[in-house]
Amino acid sequence: MKKRGNKRIVAGTVVSDKMDKTVVVQVERMVKHQFYHKYIRRCSKFSIHDENNACSVGDKVLIVESSPISKTKKWRVKEIIEKAV
């Protein structure tokens, strides 16, 4: 995760593109267990604003935090890193 000013930039994978101008992106992160000191994989899903409906399921995307667009959308697609095959 990078930070530019107040906006977070995160990479994730598109898991759903069934809505109009919205995609659901899953972001994985590694956290260290407090007691066992082993790294655990944690996932979060975000609703992302996709103005041009350019993303499809399986795409790797870069997302950036923005002002709220709707009740659940607070992120925008910055760029598509890798298209799904």
N, C-alpha and C. Protein backbone atom coordinates (compact mmCIF):
# COMPACT_ATOMS: atom_id res chain seq x y z
N MET A 1 0.84 -1.18 0.00
CA MET A 1 0.00 0.00 0.00
C MET A 1 0.89 1.24 0.00
N LYS A 2 0.64 2.13 -0.94
CA LYS A 2 1.37 3.39 -1.01
C LYS A 2 0.45 4.50 -0.52
N LYS A 3 1.04 5.60 -0.14
CA LYS A 3 0.24 6.72 0.31
C LYS A 3 0.73 7.99 -0.38
N ARG A 4 -0.15 8.68 -1.05
CA ARG A 4 0.17 9.96 -1.69
C ARG A 4 -0.70 11.01 -1.05
N GLY A 5 -0.12 11.87 -0.23
CA GLY A 5 -0.93 12.86 0.48
C GLY A 5 -1.84 12.14 1.45
N ASN A 6 -3.14 12.32 1.29
CA ASN A 6 -4.11 11.66 2.16
C ASN A 6 -4.74 10.46 1.49
N LYS A 7 -4.40 10.16 0.24
CA LYS A 7 -5.07 9.10 -0.50
C LYS A 7 -4.25 7.82 -0.50
N ARG A 8 -4.90 6.71 -0.14
CA ARG A 8 -4.23 5.40 -0.17
C ARG A 8 -4.34 4.82 -1.57
N ILE A 9 -3.29 4.13 -2.00
CA ILE A 9 -3.28 3.44 -3.29
C ILE A 9 -3.01 1.97 -3.01
N VAL A 10 -3.91 1.10 -3.50
CA VAL A 10 -3.85 -0.32 -3.20
C VAL A 10 -4.05 -1.12 -4.49
N ALA A 11 -3.41 -2.28 -4.58
CA ALA A 11 -3.61 -3.18 -5.73
C ALA A 11 -4.51 -4.33 -5.31
N GLY A 12 -5.37 -4.78 -6.23
CA GLY A 12 -6.27 -5.89 -5.94
C GLY A 12 -6.76 -6.56 -7.21
N THR A 13 -7.62 -7.55 -7.03
CA THR A 13 -8.17 -8.33 -8.13
C THR A 13 -9.67 -8.14 -8.21
N VAL A 14 -10.19 -7.94 -9.43
CA VAL A 14 -11.63 -7.77 -9.63
C VAL A 14 -12.31 -9.13 -9.47
N VAL A 15 -13.33 -9.18 -8.58
CA VAL A 15 -14.05 -10.44 -8.36
C VAL A 15 -15.49 -10.37 -8.89
N SER A 16 -16.01 -9.17 -9.17
CA SER A 16 -17.35 -9.04 -9.72
C SER A 16 -17.45 -7.76 -10.54
N ASP A 17 -18.12 -7.86 -11.71
CA ASP A 17 -18.33 -6.68 -12.56
C ASP A 17 -19.77 -6.61 -13.05
N LYS A 18 -20.71 -7.12 -12.25
CA LYS A 18 -22.10 -7.23 -12.68
C LYS A 18 -22.87 -5.93 -12.58
N MET A 19 -22.36 -4.96 -11.83
CA MET A 19 -23.06 -3.69 -11.67
C MET A 19 -22.60 -2.69 -12.72
N ASP A 20 -23.40 -1.66 -12.94
CA ASP A 20 -23.05 -0.62 -13.90
C ASP A 20 -22.12 0.39 -13.24
N LYS A 21 -20.96 0.63 -13.83
CA LYS A 21 -19.94 1.56 -13.35
C LYS A 21 -19.41 1.22 -11.96
N THR A 22 -19.55 -0.03 -11.55
CA THR A 22 -19.04 -0.48 -10.25
C THR A 22 -18.44 -1.87 -10.39
N VAL A 23 -17.29 -2.07 -9.77
CA VAL A 23 -16.70 -3.40 -9.70
C VAL A 23 -16.36 -3.68 -8.23
N VAL A 24 -16.31 -4.96 -7.88
CA VAL A 24 -15.91 -5.36 -6.54
C VAL A 24 -14.49 -5.89 -6.64
N VAL A 25 -13.59 -5.32 -5.81
CA VAL A 25 -12.18 -5.68 -5.85
C VAL A 25 -11.79 -6.30 -4.51
N GLN A 26 -11.06 -7.42 -4.59
CA GLN A 26 -10.57 -8.08 -3.39
C GLN A 26 -9.10 -7.72 -3.20
N VAL A 27 -8.77 -7.21 -2.02
CA VAL A 27 -7.40 -6.81 -1.70
C VAL A 27 -6.87 -7.74 -0.63
N GLU A 28 -5.70 -8.34 -0.88
CA GLU A 28 -5.08 -9.24 0.08
C GLU A 28 -3.92 -8.52 0.77
N ARG A 29 -3.78 -8.82 2.07
CA ARG A 29 -2.65 -8.27 2.81
C ARG A 29 -2.14 -9.33 3.77
N MET A 30 -0.90 -9.23 4.15
CA MET A 30 -0.28 -10.18 5.08
C MET A 30 -0.13 -9.49 6.44
N VAL A 31 -0.64 -10.16 7.49
CA VAL A 31 -0.52 -9.63 8.85
C VAL A 31 0.20 -10.65 9.72
N LYS A 32 0.99 -10.17 10.62
CA LYS A 32 1.73 -11.05 11.51
C LYS A 32 0.85 -11.39 12.72
N HIS A 33 0.74 -12.68 13.04
CA HIS A 33 -0.04 -13.10 14.20
C HIS A 33 0.66 -12.61 15.47
N GLN A 34 -0.15 -12.08 16.38
CA GLN A 34 0.41 -11.44 17.57
C GLN A 34 1.17 -12.41 18.48
N PHE A 35 0.66 -13.63 18.60
CA PHE A 35 1.29 -14.60 19.51
C PHE A 35 2.24 -15.54 18.79
N TYR A 36 1.81 -16.10 17.66
CA TYR A 36 2.60 -17.11 16.96
C TYR A 36 3.63 -16.53 16.00
N HIS A 37 3.56 -15.25 15.71
CA HIS A 37 4.52 -14.55 14.83
C HIS A 37 4.58 -15.16 13.43
N LYS A 38 3.46 -15.72 13.00
CA LYS A 38 3.36 -16.31 11.67
C LYS A 38 2.52 -15.36 10.81
N TYR A 39 2.86 -15.23 9.55
CA TYR A 39 2.10 -14.33 8.67
C TYR A 39 0.83 -14.99 8.17
N ILE A 40 -0.28 -14.27 8.27
CA ILE A 40 -1.59 -14.75 7.87
C ILE A 40 -2.11 -13.87 6.74
N ARG A 41 -2.78 -14.48 5.78
CA ARG A 41 -3.35 -13.75 4.66
C ARG A 41 -4.75 -13.26 5.02
N ARG A 42 -4.97 -11.96 4.91
CA ARG A 42 -6.28 -11.36 5.19
C ARG A 42 -6.81 -10.72 3.92
N CYS A 43 -8.13 -10.79 3.70
CA CYS A 43 -8.74 -10.25 2.49
C CYS A 43 -9.80 -9.21 2.85
N SER A 44 -9.92 -8.19 2.02
CA SER A 44 -10.97 -7.19 2.15
C SER A 44 -11.57 -6.97 0.77
N LYS A 45 -12.89 -6.75 0.72
CA LYS A 45 -13.56 -6.46 -0.54
C LYS A 45 -14.06 -5.02 -0.53
N PHE A 46 -13.82 -4.31 -1.63
CA PHE A 46 -14.24 -2.93 -1.77
C PHE A 46 -15.09 -2.76 -3.02
N SER A 47 -16.11 -1.90 -2.94
CA SER A 47 -16.86 -1.51 -4.13
C SER A 47 -16.12 -0.33 -4.74
N ILE A 48 -15.79 -0.45 -6.02
CA ILE A 48 -14.94 0.53 -6.69
C ILE A 48 -15.69 1.18 -7.83
N HIS A 49 -15.51 2.49 -8.01
CA HIS A 49 -16.13 3.20 -9.12
C HIS A 49 -15.30 3.00 -10.38
N ASP A 50 -15.93 2.47 -11.43
CA ASP A 50 -15.28 2.22 -12.73
C ASP A 50 -16.07 2.97 -13.79
N GLU A 51 -15.68 4.20 -14.05
CA GLU A 51 -16.44 5.11 -14.92
C GLU A 51 -16.72 4.56 -16.30
N ASN A 52 -15.73 3.89 -16.92
CA ASN A 52 -15.87 3.44 -18.31
C ASN A 52 -16.25 1.97 -18.44
N ASN A 53 -16.56 1.30 -17.34
CA ASN A 53 -16.84 -0.15 -17.35
C ASN A 53 -15.72 -0.91 -18.07
N ALA A 54 -14.47 -0.55 -17.80
CA ALA A 54 -13.32 -1.14 -18.48
C ALA A 54 -12.84 -2.42 -17.82
N CYS A 55 -13.13 -2.62 -16.55
CA CYS A 55 -12.63 -3.78 -15.81
C CYS A 55 -13.53 -4.99 -16.00
N SER A 56 -12.90 -6.16 -15.99
CA SER A 56 -13.65 -7.42 -16.02
C SER A 56 -13.09 -8.35 -14.94
N VAL A 57 -13.79 -9.44 -14.67
CA VAL A 57 -13.39 -10.35 -13.60
C VAL A 57 -12.01 -10.92 -13.87
N GLY A 58 -11.15 -10.90 -12.86
CA GLY A 58 -9.80 -11.43 -12.97
C GLY A 58 -8.74 -10.39 -13.24
N ASP A 59 -9.13 -9.17 -13.58
CA ASP A 59 -8.15 -8.10 -13.83
C ASP A 59 -7.45 -7.69 -12.55
N LYS A 60 -6.17 -7.36 -12.65
CA LYS A 60 -5.43 -6.78 -11.54
C LYS A 60 -5.50 -5.26 -11.73
N VAL A 61 -5.97 -4.56 -10.70
CA VAL A 61 -6.16 -3.12 -10.80
C VAL A 61 -5.50 -2.39 -9.65
N LEU A 62 -5.19 -1.11 -9.91
CA LEU A 62 -4.69 -0.20 -8.90
C LEU A 62 -5.84 0.71 -8.53
N ILE A 63 -6.18 0.80 -7.24
CA ILE A 63 -7.31 1.63 -6.83
C ILE A 63 -6.82 2.73 -5.90
N VAL A 64 -7.53 3.85 -5.92
CA VAL A 64 -7.16 5.00 -5.11
C VAL A 64 -8.37 5.46 -4.31
N GLU A 65 -8.13 5.84 -3.08
CA GLU A 65 -9.19 6.32 -2.20
C GLU A 65 -9.69 7.66 -2.70
N SER A 66 -11.01 7.90 -2.59
CA SER A 66 -11.57 9.17 -3.03
C SER A 66 -12.69 9.58 -2.09
N SER A 67 -13.27 10.72 -2.37
CA SER A 67 -14.43 11.15 -1.58
C SER A 67 -15.60 10.22 -1.88
N PRO A 68 -16.55 10.04 -0.95
CA PRO A 68 -17.65 9.10 -1.17
C PRO A 68 -18.46 9.41 -2.43
N ILE A 69 -18.68 8.37 -3.24
CA ILE A 69 -19.44 8.48 -4.48
C ILE A 69 -20.87 8.02 -4.22
N SER A 70 -21.02 6.99 -3.37
CA SER A 70 -22.33 6.51 -2.94
C SER A 70 -22.16 5.95 -1.53
N LYS A 71 -23.18 5.24 -1.05
CA LYS A 71 -23.12 4.69 0.31
C LYS A 71 -21.95 3.72 0.50
N THR A 72 -21.68 2.90 -0.51
CA THR A 72 -20.62 1.89 -0.37
C THR A 72 -19.36 2.20 -1.18
N LYS A 73 -19.42 3.12 -2.13
CA LYS A 73 -18.25 3.38 -3.00
C LYS A 73 -17.44 4.57 -2.49
N LYS A 74 -16.19 4.27 -2.09
CA LYS A 74 -15.28 5.31 -1.63
C LYS A 74 -13.91 5.18 -2.29
N TRP A 75 -13.83 4.38 -3.35
CA TRP A 75 -12.59 4.13 -4.08
C TRP A 75 -12.85 4.27 -5.58
N ARG A 76 -11.80 4.58 -6.35
CA ARG A 76 -11.88 4.68 -7.81
C ARG A 76 -10.77 3.84 -8.44
N VAL A 77 -11.02 3.38 -9.67
CA VAL A 77 -9.99 2.66 -10.41
C VAL A 77 -8.98 3.68 -10.92
N LYS A 78 -7.71 3.48 -10.59
CA LYS A 78 -6.66 4.37 -11.07
C LYS A 78 -6.13 3.86 -12.41
N GLU A 79 -5.78 2.56 -12.45
CA GLU A 79 -5.33 1.96 -13.71
C GLU A 79 -5.47 0.45 -13.65
N ILE A 80 -5.55 -0.15 -14.81
CA ILE A 80 -5.58 -1.61 -14.91
C ILE A 80 -4.15 -2.08 -15.13
N ILE A 81 -3.65 -2.86 -14.17
CA ILE A 81 -2.26 -3.32 -14.24
C ILE A 81 -2.14 -4.47 -15.22
N GLU A 82 -3.06 -5.44 -15.13
CA GLU A 82 -2.99 -6.65 -15.96
C GLU A 82 -4.40 -7.12 -16.29
N LYS A 83 -4.68 -7.30 -17.57
CA LYS A 83 -5.99 -7.80 -17.99
C LYS A 83 -6.05 -9.31 -17.81
N ALA A 84 -7.26 -9.82 -17.50
CA ALA A 84 -7.45 -11.27 -17.36
C ALA A 84 -7.39 -11.94 -18.72
N VAL A 85 -6.94 -13.17 -18.75
CA VAL A 85 -6.80 -13.89 -20.00
C VAL A 85 -8.10 -14.43 -20.49
